């Protein structure tokens, strides 16, 4: 049995893993490449989609799910297992992606026609999207999902609503796919799952080289950024992923508005974002403690008084005529969507504030702006960048380095950690950190395969001494205390101590077996 890494290997996007066992072939995720290398999205799969038995999907983000309609187009007809919120979000995201692809294709074909070049087609059709959606099989958290000889369990990954860490048992080997993990102290989705046993752990490393600021520090940073932006007297533009990040922003802005009492108009310029927010409101029961407290007190955490949801393109363009406003719009990395025309009308103004609240992949417009580019080309026009740019990473739905290490520490079965879903330097750095902690580590290249074998069961060396030493020290301390007291033990006391000695001997035998 083996696993092949067809995406998210020494890169952040394009998650796709092929597992091949005895008469069984399945995928975990089938995502789009975003930023550098996105031309790979149109390439044929290095396998026959018609021979894939099923797909396990960690969550709805396009870098994990976006090529599934293309998989369907090329012949896949197996089941896709995912949580109910993931399925509903995929419908919103896929149909929106198809609409964007169609608009871009039509725009390109108009240029090609004038230039005498051949026309092109979108990556997939609306029929492919609907066909793929019909293959979904909803699963609940923490239940065993049997598919012939393969069993899996979806755990709440605390990343976005419906996101899962997936445990998989196949041919006697246990794999754990972290998916995208959320932080341990999470406002929206709680904490990632505690899993202590596996043969292989496929672990993301998006923020494997950095630590997020605390919640208090992040909220203070966001408040200061908004205060300064409002003083500028111009627009505040916030590019945002419309799933999870936008809902978090709505919640944070509602808290901030109650505190600061500002009256700037706020626009959420994303029809897709409006639909995603409705899904979040539908599954409020999956939200974390802080959100539950808001609900208990009678507040809808995703309702922001004074915020307008923008639907039509004309309504979106009308925002350009408003001098002062806060505008949340997709896409989060400025690779498309309505944020682009807001940038065209605002980047050249010194009183515009641009606030990034999420990861910016290499090769994206968002990354170029964060890195300080002075001029950009939008809709064929060169635009000077004079807006003030802020980056706030504390709202991330991703675990940081400390969270990732804490999560990995729970594994006591000495698994091999396969580090994925991180830029090359970050993945390698995080892999070295795991190795220094006594872990077996692989950082695969794109296209690499690993033969999977059942591991010998033993306690991880890096973790066992800490547990053993504390217990042994406590026992030693008690014995020393008895010795120092020099009291008469008596027959009953002697029997009890003898029983304790037998228990210690049995514990010693058990440890030696491990």
Protein backbone atom coordinates (compact mmCIF):
# COMPACT_ATOMS: atom_id res chain seq x y z
CA UNK A 1 0.00 0.00 0.00
CA UNK A 2 1.22 3.50 -0.74
CA UNK A 3 0.31 7.18 -0.67
CA UNK A 4 1.22 9.60 -3.46
CA UNK A 5 1.35 13.37 -2.97
CA UNK A 6 -0.29 15.07 -5.93
CA UNK A 7 -0.58 18.52 -4.37
CA UNK A 8 0.24 20.58 -1.26
CA UNK A 9 3.74 19.09 -1.23
CA UNK A 10 6.19 21.90 -0.37
CA UNK A 11 3.38 24.28 -1.31
CA UNK A 12 0.27 25.50 0.47
CA UNK A 13 -2.52 24.87 -2.04
CA UNK A 14 -3.73 22.05 -4.29
CA UNK A 15 -4.23 19.44 -1.55
CA UNK A 16 -4.61 15.97 -3.12
CA UNK A 17 -3.44 12.59 -1.81
CA UNK A 18 -3.87 9.26 -3.63
CA UNK A 19 -3.98 6.13 -1.45
CA UNK A 20 -3.67 2.75 -3.14
CA UNK A 21 -4.20 -0.49 -1.22
CA UNK A 22 -5.43 -3.98 -1.93
CA UNK A 23 -7.99 -3.49 -4.72
CA UNK A 24 -8.77 -0.03 -3.35
CA UNK A 25 -7.85 3.43 -4.68
CA UNK A 26 -9.17 6.61 -3.11
CA UNK A 27 -8.34 10.29 -2.69
CA UNK A 28 -8.16 12.51 0.33
CA UNK A 29 -9.02 15.98 -1.02
CA UNK A 30 -8.82 17.15 -4.61
CA UNK A 31 -8.06 20.87 -4.49
CA UNK A 32 -7.10 23.68 -6.81
CA UNK A 33 -3.66 25.27 -6.98
CA UNK A 34 -3.85 28.98 -6.16
CA UNK A 35 -1.18 31.53 -7.05
CA UNK A 36 2.04 30.18 -8.56
CA UNK A 37 1.47 27.02 -10.59
CA UNK A 38 -2.28 27.45 -11.04
CA UNK A 39 -1.91 26.38 -14.70
CA UNK A 40 -1.70 22.84 -13.26
CA UNK A 41 -5.42 22.99 -12.54
CA UNK A 42 -6.17 22.33 -16.22
CA UNK A 43 -3.71 19.43 -16.49
CA UNK A 44 -4.95 15.86 -16.74
CA UNK A 45 -4.89 13.79 -13.56
CA UNK A 46 -1.93 11.36 -13.28
CA UNK A 47 -4.44 8.56 -12.73
CA UNK A 48 -7.72 7.41 -14.25
CA UNK A 49 -10.53 9.23 -12.35
CA UNK A 50 -12.87 6.43 -13.36
CA UNK A 51 -10.82 4.00 -11.27
CA UNK A 52 -11.01 6.07 -8.07
CA UNK A 53 -13.39 4.35 -5.65
CA UNK A 54 -14.23 7.32 -3.43
CA UNK A 55 -13.03 10.66 -2.04
CA UNK A 56 -12.67 11.72 1.59
CA UNK A 57 -12.94 15.51 1.75
CA UNK A 58 -11.51 17.38 4.74
CA UNK A 59 -13.29 20.69 4.07
CA UNK A 60 -14.79 23.00 1.48
CA UNK A 61 -11.99 25.50 0.78
CA UNK A 62 -11.17 25.43 -2.93
CA UNK A 63 -7.54 24.47 -2.38
CA UNK A 64 -8.94 21.21 -0.95
CA UNK A 65 -12.14 20.71 -2.98
CA UNK A 66 -11.99 22.85 -6.12
CA UNK A 67 -10.93 20.20 -8.67
CA UNK A 68 -13.61 17.67 -7.73
CA UNK A 69 -15.95 18.89 -10.52
CA UNK A 70 -13.01 18.42 -12.92
CA UNK A 71 -12.55 14.92 -11.47
CA UNK A 72 -16.22 14.27 -12.24
CA UNK A 73 -15.79 15.66 -15.76
CA UNK A 74 -12.97 13.14 -16.36
CA UNK A 75 -15.04 10.14 -15.29
CA UNK A 76 -15.14 9.88 -11.48
CA UNK A 77 -18.45 8.47 -10.23
CA UNK A 78 -17.67 7.23 -6.72
CA UNK A 79 -18.96 8.69 -3.48
CA UNK A 80 -17.57 11.81 -1.83
CA UNK A 81 -17.69 11.65 1.96
CA UNK A 82 -17.86 14.96 3.85
CA UNK A 83 -19.72 16.67 6.68
CA UNK A 84 -23.04 18.36 5.95
CA UNK A 85 -21.71 21.95 6.33
CA UNK A 86 -18.84 21.07 3.95
CA UNK A 87 -21.31 19.81 1.34
CA UNK A 88 -23.42 22.96 1.56
CA UNK A 89 -20.37 25.22 1.37
CA UNK A 90 -19.02 23.28 -1.63
CA UNK A 91 -22.23 23.98 -3.53
CA UNK A 92 -21.81 27.72 -2.91
CA UNK A 93 -18.07 27.79 -3.66
CA UNK A 94 -18.13 25.55 -6.74
CA UNK A 95 -20.99 27.37 -8.44
CA UNK A 96 -19.33 30.71 -7.73
CA UNK A 97 -16.00 29.41 -9.06
CA UNK A 98 -17.71 28.21 -12.22
CA UNK A 99 -19.30 31.65 -12.67
CA UNK A 100 -15.90 33.36 -12.29
CA UNK A 101 -14.25 30.89 -14.68
CA UNK A 102 -17.00 31.47 -17.23
CA UNK A 103 -16.61 35.27 -17.01
CA UNK A 104 -12.82 34.98 -17.39
CA UNK A 105 -13.19 32.55 -20.30
CA UNK A 106 -15.64 34.83 -22.12
CA UNK A 107 -13.33 37.82 -21.58
CA UNK A 108 -10.33 35.86 -22.89
CA UNK A 109 -12.29 34.57 -25.89
CA UNK A 110 -13.29 38.11 -26.88
CA UNK A 111 -9.60 39.04 -26.89
CA UNK A 112 -8.68 35.84 -28.76
CA UNK A 113 -11.34 36.52 -31.39
CA UNK A 114 -9.92 39.99 -32.05
CA UNK A 115 -6.40 38.56 -32.17
CA UNK A 116 -7.35 35.65 -34.43
CA UNK A 117 -6.54 33.08 -31.71
CA UNK A 118 -8.56 29.93 -30.94
CA UNK A 119 -11.19 30.05 -28.20
CA UNK A 120 -10.79 28.30 -24.85
CA UNK A 121 -13.21 26.52 -22.52
CA UNK A 122 -13.67 26.74 -18.74
CA UNK A 123 -12.13 24.01 -16.61
CA UNK A 124 -15.53 22.43 -16.09
CA UNK A 125 -19.21 23.13 -16.74
CA UNK A 126 -22.15 23.83 -14.48
CA UNK A 127 -23.37 20.30 -15.29
CA UNK A 128 -20.08 18.93 -13.95
CA UNK A 129 -20.58 20.89 -10.72
CA UNK A 130 -24.12 19.58 -10.27
CA UNK A 131 -23.02 16.04 -11.14
CA UNK A 132 -20.23 16.15 -8.54
CA UNK A 133 -22.60 17.55 -5.90
CA UNK A 134 -24.87 14.54 -6.43
CA UNK A 135 -22.02 12.22 -5.39
CA UNK A 136 -21.80 13.60 -1.85
CA UNK A 137 -22.52 11.33 1.11
CA UNK A 138 -22.91 13.32 4.38
CA UNK A 139 -21.18 12.02 7.50
CA UNK A 140 -21.27 13.15 11.10
CA UNK A 141 -18.34 13.86 13.37
CA UNK A 142 -16.93 10.96 15.41
CA UNK A 143 -18.82 8.15 13.66
CA UNK A 144 -17.20 5.21 11.87
CA UNK A 145 -17.64 5.44 8.09
CA UNK A 146 -17.08 1.99 6.51
CA UNK A 147 -16.38 1.76 2.77
CA UNK A 148 -15.67 -1.88 1.91
CA UNK A 149 -12.34 -2.64 3.63
CA UNK A 150 -11.58 1.00 4.54
CA UNK A 151 -12.84 2.69 7.70
CA UNK A 152 -12.62 6.38 8.49
CA UNK A 153 -13.69 8.77 11.23
CA UNK A 154 -14.14 12.50 10.74
CA UNK A 155 -13.09 14.66 13.72
CA UNK A 156 -13.78 18.37 14.11
CA UNK A 157 -10.58 20.10 12.92
CA UNK A 158 -11.67 23.51 14.33
CA UNK A 159 -10.64 25.22 11.07
CA UNK A 160 -13.85 26.32 9.33
CA UNK A 161 -17.36 25.08 9.89
CA UNK A 162 -17.59 21.43 8.85
CA UNK A 163 -13.80 20.99 8.53
CA UNK A 164 -12.43 17.60 9.51
CA UNK A 165 -9.30 15.83 10.55
CA UNK A 166 -9.75 12.31 9.17
CA UNK A 167 -8.56 9.05 10.73
CA UNK A 168 -8.30 6.25 8.15
CA UNK A 169 -7.72 2.52 8.67
CA UNK A 170 -6.71 0.63 5.51
CA UNK A 171 -4.92 -2.73 5.16
CA UNK A 172 -4.00 -2.74 8.85
CA UNK A 173 -2.36 0.72 8.70
CA UNK A 174 -3.75 3.82 10.38
CA UNK A 175 -3.36 7.19 8.66
CA UNK A 176 -4.35 10.54 10.12
CA UNK A 177 -4.91 13.45 7.74
CA UNK A 178 -4.84 16.66 9.73
CA UNK A 179 -6.56 18.65 6.99
CA UNK A 180 -6.26 22.30 7.96
CA UNK A 181 -6.08 22.51 11.74
CA UNK A 182 -7.48 25.40 13.72
CA UNK A 183 -5.75 26.98 16.73
CA UNK A 184 -6.28 25.50 20.20
CA UNK A 185 -7.77 28.74 21.53
CA UNK A 186 -10.37 29.46 18.88
CA UNK A 187 -13.20 31.98 18.96
CA UNK A 188 -15.28 30.34 16.22
CA UNK A 189 -14.74 26.58 15.98
CA UNK A 190 -13.35 25.30 19.27
CA UNK A 191 -10.13 23.24 19.45
CA UNK A 192 -8.63 20.59 17.13
CA UNK A 193 -9.16 16.91 18.05
CA UNK A 194 -6.85 14.99 20.37
CA UNK A 195 -5.61 11.83 18.64
CA UNK A 196 -2.88 9.72 20.22
CA UNK A 197 -2.30 6.82 17.84
CA UNK A 198 -1.38 6.48 14.16
CA UNK A 199 1.17 4.90 11.87
CA UNK A 200 1.39 7.99 9.63
CA UNK A 201 0.26 11.56 10.27
CA UNK A 202 -0.10 13.79 7.21
CA UNK A 203 0.31 17.17 8.91
CA UNK A 204 -0.22 20.64 7.47
CA UNK A 205 2.43 23.30 8.10
CA UNK A 206 0.95 26.53 6.71
CA UNK A 207 2.14 28.53 9.72
CA UNK A 208 4.82 26.07 10.82
CA UNK A 209 7.39 28.88 11.11
CA UNK A 210 5.50 31.48 13.11
CA UNK A 211 3.43 32.17 16.17
CA UNK A 212 0.17 34.07 16.02
CA UNK A 213 -0.48 36.93 18.38
CA UNK A 214 -2.82 36.25 21.27
CA UNK A 215 -6.54 36.96 20.91
CA UNK A 216 -6.17 40.07 23.06
CA UNK A 217 -3.19 41.32 21.01
CA UNK A 218 -5.00 40.61 17.72
CA UNK A 219 -8.13 42.43 18.77
CA UNK A 220 -6.07 45.40 19.94
CA UNK A 221 -4.16 45.41 16.63
CA UNK A 222 -7.41 45.26 14.65
CA UNK A 223 -8.96 48.04 16.72
CA UNK A 224 -5.91 50.26 16.19
CA UNK A 225 -5.94 49.56 12.44
CA UNK A 226 -9.64 50.47 12.20
CA UNK A 227 -9.19 53.60 14.35
CA UNK A 228 -6.32 54.85 12.19
CA UNK A 229 -8.18 53.95 8.99
CA UNK A 230 -11.27 55.86 10.06
CA UNK A 231 -9.08 58.89 10.79
CA UNK A 232 -7.81 58.81 7.19
CA UNK A 233 -11.25 59.74 5.98
CA UNK A 234 -11.28 57.32 3.07
CA UNK A 235 -12.21 53.74 2.34
CA UNK A 236 -11.18 50.78 4.45
CA UNK A 237 -10.81 47.80 2.11
CA UNK A 238 -10.64 44.32 3.63
CA UNK A 239 -10.02 41.47 1.16
CA UNK A 240 -11.43 38.38 2.81
CA UNK A 241 -12.07 34.71 2.28
CA UNK A 242 -15.85 34.66 2.30
CA UNK A 243 -16.04 31.38 4.21
CA UNK A 244 -15.16 31.67 7.90
CA UNK A 245 -12.89 34.73 7.72
CA UNK A 246 -15.70 37.00 6.61
CA UNK A 247 -18.00 35.66 9.33
CA UNK A 248 -15.24 36.21 11.89
CA UNK A 249 -14.83 39.79 10.64
CA UNK A 250 -18.56 40.42 10.95
CA UNK A 251 -18.40 39.22 14.54
CA UNK A 252 -15.26 41.21 15.39
CA UNK A 253 -16.63 44.38 13.79
CA UNK A 254 -19.87 44.01 15.76
CA UNK A 255 -17.83 43.87 18.99
CA UNK A 256 -15.73 46.83 17.85
CA UNK A 257 -18.72 48.90 16.77
CA UNK A 258 -20.32 48.48 20.19
CA UNK A 259 -17.05 49.64 21.76
CA UNK A 260 -16.11 52.51 19.42
CA UNK A 261 -19.60 53.66 18.38
CA UNK A 262 -18.45 54.54 14.83
CA UNK A 263 -21.06 55.21 12.16
CA UNK A 264 -19.13 54.41 8.97
CA UNK A 265 -21.27 52.43 6.52
CA UNK A 266 -20.13 48.79 6.19
CA UNK A 267 -20.59 46.74 3.02
CA UNK A 268 -20.20 43.02 2.60
CA UNK A 269 -19.71 42.88 -1.15
CA UNK A 270 -20.12 39.18 -1.89
CA UNK A 271 -23.31 37.32 -2.82
CA UNK A 272 -21.45 34.10 -2.09
CA UNK A 273 -20.44 35.45 1.31
CA UNK A 274 -24.06 36.11 2.13
CA UNK A 275 -24.93 32.48 1.37
CA UNK A 276 -21.97 31.25 3.40
CA UNK A 277 -23.10 33.35 6.37
CA UNK A 278 -26.54 31.73 6.18
CA UNK A 279 -24.84 28.31 6.42
CA UNK A 280 -22.91 29.45 9.50
CA UNK A 281 -26.17 30.65 11.06
CA UNK A 282 -27.76 27.28 10.26
CA UNK A 283 -25.02 25.37 12.11
CA UNK A 284 -24.55 27.64 15.12
CA UNK A 285 -24.54 24.54 17.33
CA UNK A 286 -21.07 23.67 16.00
CA UNK A 287 -19.62 26.99 17.12
CA UNK A 288 -17.19 27.42 20.04
CA UNK A 289 -17.80 28.67 23.55
CA UNK A 290 -17.52 32.42 22.98
CA UNK A 291 -20.08 32.23 20.18
CA UNK A 292 -22.32 30.01 22.31
CA UNK A 293 -22.22 32.69 25.01
CA UNK A 294 -23.43 35.27 22.50
CA UNK A 295 -26.25 32.97 21.41
CA UNK A 296 -27.18 32.27 25.05
CA UNK A 297 -27.43 36.03 25.64
CA UNK A 298 -29.81 36.34 22.69
CA UNK A 299 -27.38 37.74 20.10
CA UNK A 300 -26.84 36.47 16.56
CA UNK A 301 -23.02 36.63 16.26
CA UNK A 302 -23.19 37.06 12.49
CA UNK A 303 -25.56 40.03 12.38
CA UNK A 304 -23.85 43.43 12.25
CA UNK A 305 -26.22 46.43 12.59
CA UNK A 306 -25.68 48.90 9.79
CA UNK A 307 -23.97 46.43 7.45
CA UNK A 308 -25.34 46.11 3.92
CA UNK A 309 -25.10 42.91 1.89
CA UNK A 310 -24.27 43.82 -1.69
CA UNK A 311 -25.74 41.58 -4.40
CA UNK A 312 -25.75 43.03 -7.90
CA UNK A 313 -22.72 44.35 -9.84
CA UNK A 314 -24.45 47.75 -10.08
CA UNK A 315 -24.75 47.92 -6.28
CA UNK A 316 -21.09 47.00 -6.01
CA UNK A 317 -20.02 49.71 -8.45
CA UNK A 318 -22.15 52.26 -6.59
CA UNK A 319 -19.86 51.88 -3.56
CA UNK A 320 -17.18 53.67 -5.61
CA UNK A 321 -19.21 56.86 -5.28
CA UNK A 322 -19.14 56.69 -1.47
CA UNK A 323 -16.19 58.51 0.05
CA UNK A 324 -16.03 56.81 3.48
CA UNK A 325 -16.89 53.16 4.06
CA UNK A 326 -15.62 49.81 5.28
CA UNK A 327 -15.77 47.28 2.46
CA UNK A 328 -15.33 43.52 2.96
CA UNK A 329 -15.04 41.72 -0.36
CA UNK A 330 -13.63 38.53 -1.85
CA UNK A 331 -11.27 37.16 -2.77
CA UNK A 332 -8.99 36.88 0.26
CA UNK A 333 -5.79 36.77 -1.82
CA UNK A 334 -7.02 39.35 -4.38
CA UNK A 335 -6.89 36.75 -7.15
CA UNK A 336 -10.33 37.72 -8.45
CA UNK A 337 -13.75 38.72 -7.22
CA UNK A 338 -15.16 42.12 -6.43
CA UNK A 339 -12.23 43.30 -4.33
CA UNK A 340 -10.31 43.88 -7.59
CA UNK A 341 -12.44 46.78 -8.79
CA UNK A 342 -12.40 48.29 -5.28
CA UNK A 343 -8.60 48.11 -5.40
CA UNK A 344 -8.59 49.75 -8.83
CA UNK A 345 -10.57 52.69 -7.43
CA UNK A 346 -8.77 52.88 -4.09
CA UNK A 347 -5.13 51.72 -4.22
CA UNK A 348 -3.87 54.99 -5.71
CA UNK A 349 -5.42 57.11 -2.92
CA UNK A 350 -3.26 57.88 0.17
CA UNK A 351 -6.38 57.96 2.38
CA UNK A 352 -7.31 54.36 1.49
CA UNK A 353 -6.47 51.71 4.07
CA UNK A 354 -6.04 48.10 2.91
CA UNK A 355 -6.23 45.54 5.71
CA UNK A 356 -5.24 41.93 5.01
CA UNK A 357 -6.61 39.42 7.50
CA UNK A 358 -5.47 36.13 5.97
CA UNK A 359 -2.66 34.17 4.36
CA UNK A 360 -1.37 35.45 1.00
CA UNK A 361 0.07 32.68 -1.19
CA UNK A 362 3.14 33.24 -3.35
CA UNK A 363 2.28 34.56 -6.80
CA UNK A 364 -1.00 36.24 -5.75
CA UNK A 365 -1.77 39.95 -5.99
CA UNK A 366 -2.32 39.98 -2.25
CA UNK A 367 1.21 38.68 -1.64
CA UNK A 368 2.68 41.29 -3.99
CA UNK A 369 0.88 44.08 -2.13
CA UNK A 370 1.96 42.75 1.27
CA UNK A 371 5.55 42.55 -0.02
CA UNK A 372 5.44 46.24 -0.96
CA UNK A 373 4.94 46.39 -4.75
CA UNK A 374 4.58 50.01 -5.92
CA UNK A 375 2.52 49.51 -9.08
CA UNK A 376 0.01 46.87 -10.16
CA UNK A 377 -1.96 46.23 -13.33
CA UNK A 378 -5.72 45.88 -12.88
CA UNK A 379 -8.15 45.46 -15.78
CA UNK A 380 -5.34 46.44 -18.15
CA UNK A 381 -4.59 49.69 -16.31
CA UNK A 382 -1.44 50.44 -14.30
CA UNK A 383 -2.31 51.58 -10.79
CA UNK A 384 0.07 53.22 -8.30
CA UNK A 385 -0.04 51.75 -4.79
CA UNK A 386 -0.31 54.62 -2.31
CA UNK A 387 -2.80 53.09 0.11
CA UNK A 388 -1.66 52.21 3.63
CA UNK A 389 -1.36 48.43 3.98
CA UNK A 390 -1.87 46.50 7.22
CA UNK A 391 -1.53 42.75 7.79
CA UNK A 392 -3.28 41.07 10.72
CA UNK A 393 -2.64 37.33 10.97
CA UNK A 394 -4.19 36.67 14.38
CA UNK A 395 -7.64 36.02 12.91
CA UNK A 396 -6.24 33.04 11.05
CA UNK A 397 -8.27 29.83 11.12
CA UNK A 398 -4.94 27.97 10.91
CA UNK A 399 -2.92 26.57 13.79
CA UNK A 400 0.42 28.30 14.30
CA UNK A 401 3.73 26.60 15.11
CA UNK A 402 2.94 26.21 18.81
CA UNK A 403 -0.49 24.74 18.03
CA UNK A 404 0.95 22.30 15.49
CA UNK A 405 3.61 21.12 17.92
CA UNK A 406 1.10 20.81 20.74
CA UNK A 407 -1.18 18.73 18.49
CA UNK A 408 1.70 16.49 17.39
CA UNK A 409 2.76 15.93 21.01
CA UNK A 410 -0.45 14.01 21.72
CA UNK A 411 0.63 11.16 19.44
CA UNK A 412 2.17 8.44 21.62
CA UNK A 413 2.50 5.63 19.07
CA UNK A 414 5.69 6.82 17.34
CA UNK A 415 4.14 7.66 13.95
CA UNK A 416 5.92 9.04 10.90
CA UNK A 417 4.94 12.67 10.41
CA UNK A 418 4.55 13.63 6.74
CA UNK A 419 4.76 17.42 6.56
CA UNK A 420 2.64 18.98 3.80
CA UNK A 421 0.59 22.08 3.01
CA UNK A 422 3.38 24.59 3.62
CA UNK A 423 5.75 26.62 1.47
CA UNK A 424 8.97 24.68 0.90
CA UNK A 425 11.19 26.52 3.37
CA UNK A 426 8.47 26.51 6.03
CA UNK A 427 7.70 22.80 5.59
CA UNK A 428 11.40 21.91 5.84
CA UNK A 429 11.91 24.13 8.89
CA UNK A 430 8.92 22.65 10.67
CA UNK A 431 10.07 19.14 9.75
CA UNK A 432 13.45 19.80 11.37
CA UNK A 433 11.73 21.02 14.53
CA UNK A 434 9.74 17.79 14.72
CA UNK A 435 12.93 15.76 14.19
CA UNK A 436 14.63 17.55 17.09
CA UNK A 437 11.69 16.44 19.22
CA UNK A 438 12.45 12.81 18.39
CA UNK A 439 9.92 12.35 15.60
CA UNK A 440 10.31 10.46 12.32
CA UNK A 441 9.66 13.01 9.55
CA UNK A 442 9.20 13.06 5.78
CA UNK A 443 8.77 16.25 3.74
CA UNK A 444 7.66 14.91 0.34
CA UNK A 445 8.22 16.47 -3.05
CA UNK A 446 5.33 16.85 -5.48
CA UNK A 447 4.64 13.43 -7.00
CA UNK A 448 6.52 11.46 -4.33
CA UNK A 449 5.09 8.18 -3.05
CA UNK A 450 5.58 6.51 0.33
CA UNK A 451 5.11 2.79 0.92
CA UNK A 452 2.93 2.41 3.99
CA UNK A 453 3.69 -0.25 6.58
CA UNK A 454 2.28 -1.04 9.99
CA UNK A 455 4.52 0.43 12.69
CA UNK A 456 5.77 -1.37 15.79
CA UNK A 457 3.74 -0.14 18.72
CA UNK A 458 5.85 1.77 21.22
CA UNK A 459 5.63 4.90 23.27
CA UNK A 460 7.25 7.93 21.65
CA UNK A 461 10.66 8.53 23.22
CA UNK A 462 10.19 12.29 23.29
CA UNK A 463 7.03 12.04 25.36
CA UNK A 464 7.43 8.98 27.65
CA UNK A 465 10.22 10.29 29.94
CA UNK A 466 8.21 13.35 30.95
CA UNK A 467 5.28 11.19 32.06
CA UNK A 468 7.43 8.51 33.74
CA UNK A 469 9.77 10.91 35.54
CA UNK A 470 6.96 12.84 37.23
CA UNK A 471 5.33 9.65 38.57
CA UNK A 472 8.63 8.10 39.66
CA UNK A 473 9.64 11.31 41.39
CA UNK A 474 6.37 11.35 43.32
CA UNK A 475 6.81 7.70 44.40
CA UNK A 476 10.42 8.38 45.42
CA UNK A 477 9.32 11.42 47.38
CA UNK A 478 6.73 9.39 49.33
CA UNK A 479 9.25 6.63 50.11
CA UNK A 480 11.82 9.19 51.26
CA UNK A 481 9.21 10.83 53.47
CA UNK A 482 8.44 7.50 55.17
CA UNK A 483 12.12 6.82 55.69
CA UNK A 484 12.72 10.21 57.24
CA UNK A 485 9.81 9.88 59.64
CA UNK A 486 11.28 6.65 61.09
CA UNK A 487 7.88 5.45 62.25
CA UNK A 488 6.75 1.90 63.01
CA UNK A 489 4.97 0.59 59.89
CA UNK A 490 3.10 -2.31 61.40
CA UNK A 491 1.65 -5.42 59.76
CA UNK A 492 -1.14 -3.64 57.88
CA UNK A 493 1.20 -0.97 56.61
CA UNK A 494 3.72 -3.59 55.57
CA UNK A 495 1.06 -5.45 53.57
CA UNK A 496 0.06 -2.24 51.81
CA UNK A 497 3.65 -1.38 50.95
CA UNK A 498 4.16 -4.92 49.65
CA UNK A 499 1.11 -4.49 47.40
CA UNK A 500 2.52 -1.20 46.15
CA UNK A 501 5.82 -2.92 45.36
CA UNK A 502 4.01 -5.58 43.32
CA UNK A 503 2.17 -2.88 41.36
CA UNK A 504 5.46 -1.09 40.61
CA UNK A 505 6.97 -4.36 39.38
CA UNK A 506 3.96 -4.95 37.08
CA UNK A 507 4.26 -1.39 35.77
CA UNK A 508 7.95 -2.01 35.06
CA UNK A 509 7.11 -5.17 33.08
CA UNK A 510 4.47 -3.31 31.04
CA UNK A 511 6.86 -0.47 30.18
CA UNK A 512 9.59 -2.91 29.15
CA UNK A 513 7.16 -4.69 26.82
CA UNK A 514 6.32 -1.39 25.15
